Amino acid sequence: MPVFPSGVYALTPECADTARLLAMVEAALQGGAAAVQYREKTGDVALRFEQASELLPLCRKYGVPLIINDDLRLADLADADGVHVGREDAGLREARIILGPKKIVGVSCYQSLELARKAQAEGADYVAFGSFYASPTKPQAQRAPLQLLRDAAGLSVPVVAIGGITAENAAEVIAAGADSIAVISALFDAPDVVAAARELNRLFVCESEE
C-alpha cells in the first residue's frame, strides 16, 4: 500500500494562469509541503490536463505526491500519484481498479468515523475529515468536532484534517490526532507562501518533540 506523507497537504487554488499556479505551488514545496492536491472546479478539460501535467514534474522534483481532486480520468491520463474522491465522485473501488495498487487513493469522510472505517476496509490510503473550522472555500460545510480526530486514533491509515485550518488553529487538530492538514487559504493567500508553509510545518516538528 502506498504511504501518504504526514505534514502540510497543499490544496491548489483555482487559477487559470498556469505559470502563476506553478510558481505558487513551488513556493509551497520550497516551504516543505508534503503533498499537493490539484483542485480545479471551473477550468476546461484542456486547462486541467495542462496544469496537472505541468504540476507533476514539479512535485516529483521535490519528491512529493501529486493527488488529483475528484477527477479519476484526469488522474489516470496525467499519470498523477493518486486521486482524492468524495461522496459524489468515482468510488474507491473504481479508482483502485483504474489507477492500480501503487497509486494513492484518498477519501473524504466528512464527519463520519463509520465512513472512514469503511474506506479503510476497502483499501483507502488515507481518510479526510472536516470541516473543522469556518472555511472560506466551503462556507456552508458542516463542522466536524475535534473529538472525531481523537476517536479516529484506532484507524490504521493516515488521517487528514481539512476546513478553515490556519497557523493559529492547526496545532489543535494536530494535537487531536491529525497526521496531515489540508490547507488552501492559509498557504496561497499568504503574502509569503514559503514562510507560511514553513510556519505550518514547524507545528508538526513541535508536536513530534512533545
Protein backbone atom coordinates (compact mmCIF):
# COMPACT_ATOMS: atom_id res chain seq x y z
CA MET A 1 0.00 0.00 0.00
CA PRO A 2 1.36 3.47 -0.86
CA VAL A 3 2.24 5.62 2.15
CA PHE A 4 0.63 9.05 2.30
CA PRO A 5 3.01 11.51 3.97
CA SER A 6 2.25 13.41 7.15
CA GLY A 7 2.59 17.19 7.23
CA VAL A 8 1.23 20.03 5.14
CA TYR A 9 -1.12 18.96 2.34
CA ALA A 10 -1.27 21.89 -0.10
CA LEU A 11 -4.58 22.16 -1.97
CA THR A 12 -4.21 24.35 -5.02
CA PRO A 13 -6.35 27.46 -5.51
CA GLU A 14 -8.29 27.81 -8.75
CA CYS A 15 -6.05 29.73 -11.12
CA ALA A 16 -6.35 29.89 -14.91
CA ASP A 17 -2.79 31.26 -15.20
CA THR A 18 -0.72 28.08 -15.27
CA ALA A 19 2.62 29.84 -14.80
CA ARG A 20 1.30 31.64 -11.72
CA LEU A 21 -0.15 28.42 -10.33
CA LEU A 22 3.17 26.63 -10.77
CA ALA A 23 5.02 29.47 -9.04
CA MET A 24 2.65 29.36 -6.05
CA VAL A 25 2.89 25.58 -5.74
CA GLU A 26 6.68 25.65 -5.99
CA ALA A 27 6.77 28.19 -3.18
CA ALA A 28 4.69 25.82 -1.02
CA LEU A 29 7.04 22.97 -1.89
CA GLN A 30 10.06 25.10 -1.03
CA GLY A 31 8.44 25.68 2.34
CA GLY A 32 8.14 21.95 2.90
CA ALA A 33 4.66 20.93 1.73
CA ALA A 34 4.50 17.14 1.99
CA ALA A 35 1.82 16.58 -0.68
CA VAL A 36 -0.10 18.59 -3.28
CA GLN A 37 -3.70 18.19 -4.36
CA TYR A 38 -4.73 19.73 -7.68
CA ARG A 39 -8.21 21.25 -7.43
CA GLU A 40 -9.78 22.99 -10.41
CA LYS A 41 -13.56 23.06 -10.48
CA THR A 42 -14.19 25.53 -13.28
CA GLY A 43 -11.42 25.01 -15.82
CA ASP A 44 -11.98 23.28 -19.12
CA VAL A 45 -10.56 19.85 -19.88
CA ALA A 46 -7.56 21.22 -21.77
CA LEU A 47 -6.60 23.59 -18.96
CA ARG A 48 -6.97 20.89 -16.32
CA PHE A 49 -4.78 18.47 -18.27
CA GLU A 50 -2.19 21.15 -18.96
CA GLN A 51 -1.96 22.18 -15.32
CA ALA A 52 -1.91 18.63 -13.94
CA SER A 53 0.74 17.61 -16.46
CA GLU A 54 2.97 20.54 -15.50
CA LEU A 55 2.44 20.14 -11.78
CA LEU A 56 3.51 16.50 -11.85
CA PRO A 57 7.21 17.00 -12.74
CA LEU A 58 7.34 19.93 -10.32
CA CYS A 59 6.08 17.76 -7.47
CA ARG A 60 8.44 14.95 -8.42
CA LYS A 61 11.35 17.40 -8.39
CA TYR A 62 10.59 17.89 -4.68
CA GLY A 63 9.75 14.24 -4.05
CA VAL A 64 6.12 14.78 -3.06
CA PRO A 65 2.97 13.15 -4.45
CA LEU A 66 0.51 14.96 -6.71
CA ILE A 67 -3.08 13.98 -5.97
CA ILE A 68 -5.95 14.94 -8.28
CA ASN A 69 -9.17 16.07 -6.63
CA ASP A 70 -12.38 14.39 -7.77
CA ASP A 71 -11.28 13.56 -11.33
CA LEU A 72 -10.29 9.93 -11.77
CA ARG A 73 -9.97 10.25 -15.53
CA LEU A 74 -7.55 13.16 -15.22
CA ALA A 75 -5.52 11.33 -12.57
CA ASP A 76 -5.17 8.41 -14.95
CA LEU A 77 -4.40 10.47 -18.07
CA ALA A 78 -1.85 12.67 -16.32
CA ASP A 79 -0.25 9.68 -14.54
CA ALA A 80 -0.62 11.53 -11.25
CA ASP A 81 0.37 9.87 -7.99
CA GLY A 82 -3.23 9.44 -6.89
CA VAL A 83 -6.77 10.71 -6.61
CA HIS A 84 -8.98 12.07 -3.85
CA VAL A 85 -12.64 11.07 -4.03
CA GLY A 86 -15.69 12.37 -2.23
CA ARG A 87 -19.28 11.31 -1.72
CA GLU A 88 -20.35 12.15 -5.27
CA ASP A 89 -17.19 11.15 -7.13
CA ALA A 90 -15.91 7.88 -8.55
CA GLY A 91 -15.90 5.16 -5.92
CA LEU A 92 -12.82 3.94 -4.14
CA ARG A 93 -13.07 0.51 -5.76
CA GLU A 94 -13.27 2.03 -9.25
CA ALA A 95 -10.32 4.30 -8.51
CA ARG A 96 -8.22 1.37 -7.34
CA ILE A 97 -9.08 -0.70 -10.42
CA ILE A 98 -8.19 2.11 -12.81
CA LEU A 99 -5.11 3.51 -11.06
CA GLY A 100 -3.72 0.25 -9.68
CA PRO A 101 -2.27 -0.70 -6.31
CA LYS A 102 0.72 1.66 -6.38
CA LYS A 103 -1.26 4.89 -6.58
CA ILE A 104 -2.70 6.82 -3.62
CA VAL A 105 -6.47 6.90 -3.15
CA GLY A 106 -7.79 9.28 -0.51
CA VAL A 107 -11.40 9.50 0.62
CA SER A 108 -13.46 12.34 2.11
CA CYS A 109 -15.27 11.05 5.18
CA TYR A 110 -16.71 14.40 6.33
CA GLN A 111 -17.88 13.99 9.93
CA SER A 112 -18.25 10.19 9.87
CA LEU A 113 -15.94 7.72 11.58
CA GLU A 114 -18.03 4.92 10.07
CA LEU A 115 -17.29 6.17 6.55
CA ALA A 116 -13.61 6.22 7.46
CA ARG A 117 -13.68 2.65 8.75
CA LYS A 118 -15.46 1.55 5.57
CA ALA A 119 -12.93 3.38 3.39
CA GLN A 120 -10.05 1.79 5.30
CA ALA A 121 -11.56 -1.66 4.87
CA GLU A 122 -11.93 -1.05 1.13
CA GLY A 123 -8.28 -0.05 0.74
CA ALA A 124 -8.09 3.73 1.11
CA ASP A 125 -4.58 5.10 1.62
CA TYR A 126 -5.81 7.99 3.76
CA VAL A 127 -9.08 9.45 5.01
CA ALA A 128 -10.04 13.10 5.41
CA PHE A 129 -12.37 14.66 7.97
CA GLY A 130 -13.79 18.18 8.08
CA SER A 131 -14.68 20.95 8.10
CA PHE A 132 -13.12 21.71 11.48
CA TYR A 133 -13.40 25.49 11.22
CA ALA A 134 -15.23 28.03 9.09
CA SER A 135 -13.84 27.62 5.59
CA PRO A 136 -13.68 30.43 3.02
CA THR A 137 -13.61 27.76 0.29
CA LYS A 138 -16.74 25.94 1.54
CA PRO A 139 -18.53 28.34 3.91
CA GLN A 140 -21.63 26.12 4.16
CA ALA A 141 -19.72 22.95 5.05
CA GLN A 142 -20.92 21.12 8.15
CA ARG A 143 -18.47 21.26 11.06
CA ALA A 144 -16.59 18.27 12.42
CA PRO A 145 -15.66 18.14 16.13
CA LEU A 146 -12.05 17.74 17.27
CA GLN A 147 -13.19 14.65 19.17
CA LEU A 148 -13.60 12.93 15.81
CA LEU A 149 -9.83 13.02 15.34
CA ARG A 150 -9.28 11.51 18.79
CA ASP A 151 -11.83 8.79 18.01
CA ALA A 152 -10.02 8.06 14.72
CA ALA A 153 -6.82 7.14 16.57
CA GLY A 154 -7.59 3.46 16.06
CA LEU A 155 -7.50 3.72 12.27
CA SER A 156 -4.51 2.20 10.52
CA VAL A 157 -4.43 4.77 7.70
CA PRO A 158 -3.30 8.41 7.91
CA VAL A 159 -5.91 10.98 8.90
CA VAL A 160 -6.15 14.34 7.13
CA ALA A 161 -7.92 17.33 8.70
CA ILE A 162 -9.45 19.93 6.40
CA GLY A 163 -11.54 23.06 6.57
CA GLY A 164 -10.54 26.54 7.70
CA ILE A 165 -7.19 25.43 9.08
CA THR A 166 -4.71 28.24 9.72
CA ALA A 167 -1.40 28.72 11.51
CA GLU A 168 -3.42 29.86 14.53
CA ASN A 169 -5.61 26.75 14.88
CA ALA A 170 -3.60 24.00 13.18
CA ALA A 171 -1.91 22.97 16.43
CA GLU A 172 -5.33 21.96 17.80
CA VAL A 173 -6.08 19.46 15.04
CA ILE A 174 -2.53 18.09 15.07
CA ALA A 175 -2.68 17.58 18.84
CA ALA A 176 -6.08 15.89 18.44
CA GLY A 177 -4.57 13.32 16.08
CA ALA A 178 -4.40 14.68 12.51
CA ASP A 179 -1.45 13.27 10.60
CA SER A 180 -1.81 15.89 7.90
CA ILE A 181 -3.52 19.26 7.47
CA ALA A 182 -5.08 20.20 4.13
CA VAL A 183 -4.81 23.93 3.52
CA ILE A 184 -5.60 26.38 0.74
CA SER A 185 -6.05 29.94 2.02
CA ALA A 186 -3.54 29.58 4.86
CA LEU A 187 -0.89 28.97 2.22
CA PHE A 188 -1.88 30.63 -1.01
CA ASP A 189 -3.48 33.78 0.38
CA ALA A 190 -0.39 34.45 2.48
CA PRO A 191 1.93 37.29 1.38
CA ASP A 192 4.86 34.85 1.60
CA VAL A 193 3.87 31.30 0.66
CA VAL A 194 7.27 29.82 1.54
CA ALA A 195 7.16 31.31 5.02
CA ALA A 196 3.54 30.23 5.54
CA ALA A 197 4.40 26.63 4.63
CA ARG A 198 7.41 26.65 6.95
CA GLU A 199 5.34 28.01 9.83
CA LEU A 200 2.75 25.24 9.40
CA ASN A 201 5.48 22.61 9.12
CA ARG A 202 7.03 23.73 12.40
CA LEU A 203 3.83 22.72 14.17
CA PHE A 204 4.44 19.08 13.20
CA VAL A 205 8.03 19.25 14.45
CA CYS A 206 6.85 20.72 17.75
CA GLU A 207 4.21 18.01 18.14
CA SER A 208 6.73 15.21 17.48
CA GLU A 209 9.08 16.65 20.12
CA GLU A 210 6.45 16.72 22.87
